[in-house]
Amino acid sequence: MGAFMIICLNKSADEAWATFRPYHNKFIPYRDATMGNCAYRCTNLHCFQGLQFAMALGWYDYSTFDVQEYQHFEKVENGDLNWIVPGKFVAFSGPLNVTDRYGSFTPDDYVPIFKRLGVTLVVRLNKP
């Protein structure tokens, strides 16, 4: 609902968040998918602020966002990738040397996708 208010009603992140003031203490912060203690708090307000910032930078435009492409690529079986900065920086899970039981892609699986998306450089930030 808050994202709708920002995208469609042109409310600021703070205005959208203020609408939920009676429920602020009921929302649990988001966290990463790893096990163990989370070292940060990512609240709904942070997400609203990120959306507002992305829109201000032109990184998100409701009228041009390709929902079908997003829904396709966000699935593990299709590469589990998403644009972080559209046309500049894409994040993805993997690659692995061999396809594992979760369907993770190998470099050979990603190459045609990267070519289609215009990706020309890959930097691995987790494992060698």
N, C-alpha and C. Protein backbone atom coordinates (compact mmCIF):
# COMPACT_ATOMS: atom_id res chain seq x y z
N MET A 1 0.83 -1.17 0.00
CA MET A 1 0.00 0.00 0.00
C MET A 1 0.89 1.26 0.00
N GLY A 2 1.95 1.22 0.78
CA GLY A 2 2.85 2.37 0.82
C GLY A 2 3.51 2.62 -0.52
N ALA A 3 3.94 1.55 -1.20
CA ALA A 3 4.55 1.70 -2.52
C ALA A 3 3.53 2.28 -3.50
N PHE A 4 2.29 1.84 -3.44
CA PHE A 4 1.23 2.39 -4.29
C PHE A 4 1.09 3.89 -4.06
N MET A 5 1.13 4.29 -2.80
CA MET A 5 0.99 5.71 -2.46
C MET A 5 2.12 6.53 -3.07
N ILE A 6 3.33 5.98 -3.06
CA ILE A 6 4.49 6.69 -3.61
C ILE A 6 4.43 6.71 -5.14
N ILE A 7 4.16 5.55 -5.75
CA ILE A 7 4.18 5.43 -7.20
C ILE A 7 2.99 6.12 -7.86
N CYS A 8 1.80 5.86 -7.37
CA CYS A 8 0.58 6.31 -8.05
C CYS A 8 -0.01 7.60 -7.50
N LEU A 9 0.18 7.85 -6.22
CA LEU A 9 -0.42 9.04 -5.60
C LEU A 9 0.60 10.16 -5.37
N ASN A 10 1.86 9.91 -5.78
CA ASN A 10 2.94 10.89 -5.65
C ASN A 10 3.16 11.37 -4.22
N LYS A 11 2.97 10.47 -3.27
CA LYS A 11 3.27 10.78 -1.87
C LYS A 11 4.76 10.56 -1.63
N SER A 12 5.32 11.25 -0.66
CA SER A 12 6.71 11.02 -0.29
C SER A 12 6.78 9.74 0.56
N ALA A 13 7.97 9.23 0.74
CA ALA A 13 8.16 8.05 1.59
C ALA A 13 7.68 8.33 3.01
N ASP A 14 8.00 9.50 3.51
CA ASP A 14 7.58 9.85 4.87
C ASP A 14 6.06 9.97 4.98
N GLU A 15 5.41 10.54 3.96
CA GLU A 15 3.95 10.64 3.96
C GLU A 15 3.30 9.26 3.93
N ALA A 16 3.84 8.39 3.09
CA ALA A 16 3.29 7.04 3.00
C ALA A 16 3.45 6.32 4.33
N TRP A 17 4.63 6.41 4.92
CA TRP A 17 4.90 5.74 6.19
C TRP A 17 4.03 6.29 7.31
N ALA A 18 3.79 7.59 7.31
CA ALA A 18 2.98 8.21 8.35
C ALA A 18 1.55 7.66 8.36
N THR A 19 1.06 7.24 7.22
CA THR A 19 -0.29 6.66 7.13
C THR A 19 -0.42 5.43 8.02
N PHE A 20 0.69 4.73 8.21
CA PHE A 20 0.67 3.49 8.99
C PHE A 20 1.09 3.69 10.45
N ARG A 21 1.14 4.94 10.88
CA ARG A 21 1.63 5.27 12.23
C ARG A 21 1.01 4.38 13.33
N PRO A 22 -0.29 4.13 13.33
CA PRO A 22 -0.85 3.28 14.40
C PRO A 22 -0.28 1.86 14.42
N TYR A 23 0.34 1.44 13.33
CA TYR A 23 0.81 0.06 13.22
C TYR A 23 2.34 -0.06 13.18
N HIS A 24 3.06 1.04 13.33
CA HIS A 24 4.52 1.02 13.22
C HIS A 24 5.15 -0.06 14.10
N ASN A 25 4.67 -0.25 15.30
CA ASN A 25 5.28 -1.23 16.21
C ASN A 25 4.92 -2.67 15.85
N LYS A 26 4.05 -2.87 14.90
CA LYS A 26 3.65 -4.22 14.48
C LYS A 26 4.50 -4.76 13.32
N PHE A 27 5.18 -3.88 12.59
CA PHE A 27 5.98 -4.29 11.44
C PHE A 27 7.35 -4.80 11.90
N ILE A 28 7.73 -5.97 11.40
CA ILE A 28 9.02 -6.57 11.71
C ILE A 28 10.00 -6.19 10.60
N PRO A 29 11.23 -5.75 10.95
CA PRO A 29 12.20 -5.40 9.91
C PRO A 29 12.52 -6.59 9.00
N TYR A 30 12.85 -6.29 7.75
CA TYR A 30 13.28 -7.31 6.81
C TYR A 30 14.72 -7.71 7.14
N ARG A 31 15.15 -8.83 6.60
CA ARG A 31 16.51 -9.30 6.81
C ARG A 31 16.95 -10.08 5.59
N ASP A 32 18.24 -10.40 5.54
CA ASP A 32 18.73 -11.21 4.42
C ASP A 32 18.31 -12.67 4.63
N ALA A 33 18.60 -13.50 3.65
CA ALA A 33 18.14 -14.88 3.67
C ALA A 33 19.10 -15.83 4.38
N THR A 34 20.21 -15.32 4.90
CA THR A 34 21.17 -16.21 5.56
C THR A 34 20.72 -16.55 6.97
N MET A 35 21.32 -17.61 7.49
CA MET A 35 21.03 -18.04 8.87
C MET A 35 21.81 -17.16 9.85
N GLY A 36 21.40 -17.16 11.08
CA GLY A 36 22.15 -16.45 12.11
C GLY A 36 21.60 -15.07 12.36
N ASN A 37 22.36 -14.32 13.15
CA ASN A 37 21.94 -12.98 13.53
C ASN A 37 22.06 -12.02 12.35
N CYS A 38 21.12 -11.13 12.24
CA CYS A 38 21.14 -10.11 11.19
C CYS A 38 21.81 -8.86 11.78
N ALA A 39 22.75 -8.29 11.04
CA ALA A 39 23.55 -7.18 11.55
C ALA A 39 22.94 -5.81 11.21
N TYR A 40 21.75 -5.77 10.64
CA TYR A 40 21.14 -4.49 10.27
C TYR A 40 19.62 -4.59 10.36
N ARG A 41 18.97 -3.46 10.36
CA ARG A 41 17.50 -3.39 10.34
C ARG A 41 17.08 -2.71 9.05
N CYS A 42 16.24 -3.35 8.28
CA CYS A 42 15.69 -2.77 7.05
C CYS A 42 14.18 -2.70 7.24
N THR A 43 13.69 -1.50 7.48
CA THR A 43 12.28 -1.32 7.79
C THR A 43 11.47 -0.96 6.55
N ASN A 44 10.16 -0.94 6.71
CA ASN A 44 9.29 -0.49 5.62
C ASN A 44 9.64 0.93 5.21
N LEU A 45 9.94 1.78 6.16
CA LEU A 45 10.32 3.15 5.82
C LEU A 45 11.56 3.16 4.94
N HIS A 46 12.56 2.35 5.26
CA HIS A 46 13.76 2.26 4.41
C HIS A 46 13.38 1.86 2.99
N CYS A 47 12.49 0.88 2.86
CA CYS A 47 12.05 0.43 1.53
C CYS A 47 11.33 1.54 0.80
N PHE A 48 10.46 2.27 1.49
CA PHE A 48 9.74 3.39 0.87
C PHE A 48 10.73 4.47 0.42
N GLN A 49 11.71 4.75 1.26
CA GLN A 49 12.73 5.75 0.90
C GLN A 49 13.54 5.30 -0.30
N GLY A 50 13.88 4.01 -0.35
CA GLY A 50 14.61 3.47 -1.49
C GLY A 50 13.81 3.58 -2.77
N LEU A 51 12.53 3.30 -2.72
CA LEU A 51 11.66 3.43 -3.89
C LEU A 51 11.59 4.88 -4.34
N GLN A 52 11.40 5.79 -3.41
CA GLN A 52 11.35 7.21 -3.74
C GLN A 52 12.65 7.66 -4.40
N PHE A 53 13.77 7.23 -3.86
CA PHE A 53 15.08 7.59 -4.40
C PHE A 53 15.27 7.00 -5.80
N ALA A 54 14.90 5.72 -5.97
CA ALA A 54 15.02 5.08 -7.29
C ALA A 54 14.17 5.81 -8.33
N MET A 55 13.00 6.24 -7.95
CA MET A 55 12.15 6.98 -8.89
C MET A 55 12.77 8.33 -9.23
N ALA A 56 13.33 8.99 -8.25
CA ALA A 56 13.96 10.30 -8.49
C ALA A 56 15.15 10.17 -9.44
N LEU A 57 15.87 9.04 -9.37
CA LEU A 57 17.01 8.80 -10.24
C LEU A 57 16.61 8.24 -11.61
N GLY A 58 15.33 7.94 -11.78
CA GLY A 58 14.85 7.37 -13.04
C GLY A 58 15.10 5.88 -13.14
N TRP A 59 15.38 5.22 -12.03
CA TRP A 59 15.65 3.78 -12.05
C TRP A 59 14.37 2.96 -12.05
N TYR A 60 13.27 3.57 -11.65
CA TYR A 60 11.98 2.87 -11.68
C TYR A 60 10.93 3.82 -12.24
N ASP A 61 10.23 3.32 -13.25
CA ASP A 61 9.12 4.05 -13.86
C ASP A 61 7.99 3.07 -14.06
N TYR A 62 6.92 3.27 -13.36
CA TYR A 62 5.77 2.37 -13.41
C TYR A 62 5.28 2.14 -14.84
N SER A 63 5.33 3.16 -15.67
CA SER A 63 4.79 3.06 -17.02
C SER A 63 5.67 2.23 -17.96
N THR A 64 6.93 2.03 -17.60
CA THR A 64 7.83 1.27 -18.49
C THR A 64 8.38 -0.01 -17.85
N PHE A 65 8.10 -0.23 -16.58
CA PHE A 65 8.62 -1.42 -15.89
C PHE A 65 8.03 -2.67 -16.51
N ASP A 66 8.88 -3.63 -16.88
CA ASP A 66 8.45 -4.87 -17.51
C ASP A 66 8.22 -5.94 -16.45
N VAL A 67 6.99 -6.06 -15.99
CA VAL A 67 6.64 -7.00 -14.93
C VAL A 67 6.90 -8.43 -15.36
N GLN A 68 6.57 -8.77 -16.60
CA GLN A 68 6.77 -10.14 -17.06
C GLN A 68 8.24 -10.52 -17.07
N GLU A 69 9.10 -9.63 -17.53
CA GLU A 69 10.54 -9.91 -17.51
C GLU A 69 11.03 -10.07 -16.07
N TYR A 70 10.59 -9.18 -15.19
CA TYR A 70 10.98 -9.27 -13.78
C TYR A 70 10.56 -10.61 -13.19
N GLN A 71 9.30 -10.99 -13.40
CA GLN A 71 8.79 -12.24 -12.83
C GLN A 71 9.50 -13.46 -13.42
N HIS A 72 9.91 -13.38 -14.66
CA HIS A 72 10.64 -14.49 -15.29
C HIS A 72 12.02 -14.65 -14.66
N PHE A 73 12.81 -13.59 -14.64
CA PHE A 73 14.20 -13.69 -14.20
C PHE A 73 14.37 -13.81 -12.70
N GLU A 74 13.37 -13.43 -11.91
CA GLU A 74 13.55 -13.54 -10.47
C GLU A 74 13.42 -14.98 -9.98
N LYS A 75 12.97 -15.89 -10.82
CA LYS A 75 12.86 -17.30 -10.45
C LYS A 75 14.23 -17.98 -10.57
N VAL A 76 14.54 -18.85 -9.62
CA VAL A 76 15.82 -19.55 -9.62
C VAL A 76 16.02 -20.30 -10.93
N GLU A 77 14.97 -20.92 -11.42
CA GLU A 77 15.10 -21.72 -12.64
C GLU A 77 15.33 -20.88 -13.90
N ASN A 78 15.25 -19.55 -13.78
CA ASN A 78 15.51 -18.66 -14.90
C ASN A 78 16.71 -17.75 -14.66
N GLY A 79 17.52 -18.07 -13.65
CA GLY A 79 18.74 -17.32 -13.41
C GLY A 79 18.78 -16.54 -12.13
N ASP A 80 17.62 -16.31 -11.49
CA ASP A 80 17.56 -15.59 -10.22
C ASP A 80 18.35 -14.29 -10.30
N LEU A 81 17.96 -13.42 -11.24
CA LEU A 81 18.68 -12.16 -11.39
C LEU A 81 17.72 -10.98 -11.46
N ASN A 82 18.21 -9.84 -11.00
CA ASN A 82 17.43 -8.61 -10.99
C ASN A 82 18.35 -7.42 -11.23
N TRP A 83 17.84 -6.46 -11.97
CA TRP A 83 18.59 -5.21 -12.15
C TRP A 83 18.61 -4.46 -10.83
N ILE A 84 19.77 -4.04 -10.41
CA ILE A 84 19.92 -3.18 -9.24
C ILE A 84 19.88 -1.73 -9.71
N VAL A 85 20.67 -1.42 -10.73
CA VAL A 85 20.61 -0.15 -11.44
C VAL A 85 20.31 -0.51 -12.89
N PRO A 86 19.11 -0.21 -13.36
CA PRO A 86 18.71 -0.64 -14.71
C PRO A 86 19.72 -0.26 -15.78
N GLY A 87 20.09 -1.26 -16.58
CA GLY A 87 21.03 -1.06 -17.67
C GLY A 87 22.48 -0.93 -17.25
N LYS A 88 22.76 -0.99 -15.93
CA LYS A 88 24.13 -0.80 -15.46
C LYS A 88 24.62 -1.91 -14.54
N PHE A 89 23.79 -2.37 -13.60
CA PHE A 89 24.24 -3.30 -12.58
C PHE A 89 23.15 -4.33 -12.30
N VAL A 90 23.46 -5.59 -12.59
CA VAL A 90 22.51 -6.68 -12.35
C VAL A 90 23.11 -7.63 -11.32
N ALA A 91 22.28 -8.08 -10.39
CA ALA A 91 22.72 -9.04 -9.38
C ALA A 91 22.10 -10.39 -9.70
N PHE A 92 22.84 -11.47 -9.42
CA PHE A 92 22.32 -12.80 -9.68
C PHE A 92 22.96 -13.78 -8.71
N SER A 93 22.32 -14.94 -8.56
CA SER A 93 22.87 -15.96 -7.64
C SER A 93 23.74 -16.92 -8.42
N GLY A 94 24.92 -17.12 -8.02
CA GLY A 94 25.78 -18.06 -8.75
C GLY A 94 26.85 -17.30 -9.49
N PRO A 95 27.41 -17.83 -10.50
CA PRO A 95 27.11 -19.14 -11.06
C PRO A 95 27.82 -20.25 -10.30
N LEU A 96 27.43 -21.47 -10.57
CA LEU A 96 28.10 -22.64 -10.02
C LEU A 96 28.77 -23.39 -11.16
N ASN A 97 29.72 -24.26 -10.82
CA ASN A 97 30.41 -25.04 -11.84
C ASN A 97 29.49 -26.05 -12.50
N VAL A 98 28.54 -26.58 -11.73
CA VAL A 98 27.56 -27.53 -12.26
C VAL A 98 26.19 -27.14 -11.73
N THR A 99 25.16 -27.49 -12.45
CA THR A 99 23.80 -27.22 -11.98
C THR A 99 23.56 -28.06 -10.73
N ASP A 100 23.09 -27.42 -9.66
CA ASP A 100 22.85 -28.16 -8.42
C ASP A 100 21.37 -28.50 -8.30
N ARG A 101 21.01 -29.09 -7.20
CA ARG A 101 19.62 -29.54 -7.01
C ARG A 101 18.64 -28.38 -6.93
N TYR A 102 19.11 -27.17 -6.69
CA TYR A 102 18.23 -26.01 -6.63
C TYR A 102 18.06 -25.34 -8.00
N GLY A 103 18.78 -25.84 -9.00
CA GLY A 103 18.66 -25.28 -10.34
C GLY A 103 19.57 -24.10 -10.61
N SER A 104 20.59 -23.90 -9.77
CA SER A 104 21.50 -22.78 -10.00
C SER A 104 22.16 -22.91 -11.35
N PHE A 105 22.41 -21.78 -11.99
CA PHE A 105 22.97 -21.76 -13.33
C PHE A 105 24.48 -21.85 -13.33
N THR A 106 25.01 -22.39 -14.42
CA THR A 106 26.44 -22.41 -14.67
C THR A 106 26.77 -21.17 -15.50
N PRO A 107 28.05 -20.83 -15.66
CA PRO A 107 28.40 -19.69 -16.53
C PRO A 107 27.82 -19.85 -17.94
N ASP A 108 27.83 -21.07 -18.48
CA ASP A 108 27.28 -21.29 -19.82
C ASP A 108 25.78 -20.97 -19.89
N ASP A 109 25.07 -21.18 -18.79
CA ASP A 109 23.64 -20.85 -18.76
C ASP A 109 23.41 -19.34 -18.78
N TYR A 110 24.31 -18.61 -18.10
CA TYR A 110 24.13 -17.16 -18.00
C TYR A 110 24.55 -16.40 -19.26
N VAL A 111 25.50 -16.93 -20.02
CA VAL A 111 26.04 -16.19 -21.17
C VAL A 111 24.96 -15.68 -22.11
N PRO A 112 24.01 -16.52 -22.58
CA PRO A 112 23.00 -15.99 -23.51
C PRO A 112 22.12 -14.90 -22.87
N ILE A 113 21.84 -15.06 -21.59
CA ILE A 113 21.03 -14.04 -20.88
C ILE A 113 21.80 -12.73 -20.82
N PHE A 114 23.06 -12.81 -20.42
CA PHE A 114 23.88 -11.61 -20.32
C PHE A 114 24.02 -10.92 -21.66
N LYS A 115 24.20 -11.69 -22.72
CA LYS A 115 24.31 -11.08 -24.05
C LYS A 115 23.03 -10.34 -24.40
N ARG A 116 21.88 -10.96 -24.12
CA ARG A 116 20.60 -10.32 -24.44
C ARG A 116 20.40 -9.04 -23.62
N LEU A 117 20.87 -9.04 -22.37
CA LEU A 117 20.69 -7.89 -21.49
C LEU A 117 21.79 -6.84 -21.67
N GLY A 118 22.84 -7.17 -22.41
CA GLY A 118 23.93 -6.23 -22.63
C GLY A 118 24.97 -6.22 -21.52
N VAL A 119 25.01 -7.28 -20.71
CA VAL A 119 26.00 -7.39 -19.64
C VAL A 119 27.35 -7.76 -20.27
N THR A 120 28.39 -6.97 -19.98
CA THR A 120 29.70 -7.21 -20.58
C THR A 120 30.79 -7.51 -19.55
N LEU A 121 30.49 -7.40 -18.26
CA LEU A 121 31.48 -7.64 -17.22
C LEU A 121 30.79 -8.29 -16.03
N VAL A 122 31.40 -9.34 -15.48
CA VAL A 122 30.87 -10.01 -14.30
C VAL A 122 31.93 -9.94 -13.22
N VAL A 123 31.54 -9.51 -12.03
CA VAL A 123 32.42 -9.46 -10.88
C VAL A 123 31.80 -10.33 -9.79
N ARG A 124 32.54 -11.31 -9.34
CA ARG A 124 32.02 -12.21 -8.31
C ARG A 124 32.42 -11.67 -6.94
N LEU A 125 31.45 -11.50 -6.06
CA LEU A 125 31.73 -10.88 -4.77
C LEU A 125 31.66 -11.85 -3.59
N ASN A 126 31.31 -13.12 -3.86
CA ASN A 126 31.18 -14.03 -2.72
C ASN A 126 32.27 -15.11 -2.69
N LYS A 127 32.30 -16.03 -3.64
CA LYS A 127 33.29 -17.11 -3.63
C LYS A 127 34.18 -16.99 -4.86
N PRO A 128 35.39 -17.54 -4.78
CA PRO A 128 36.28 -17.50 -5.97
C PRO A 128 35.67 -18.24 -7.16
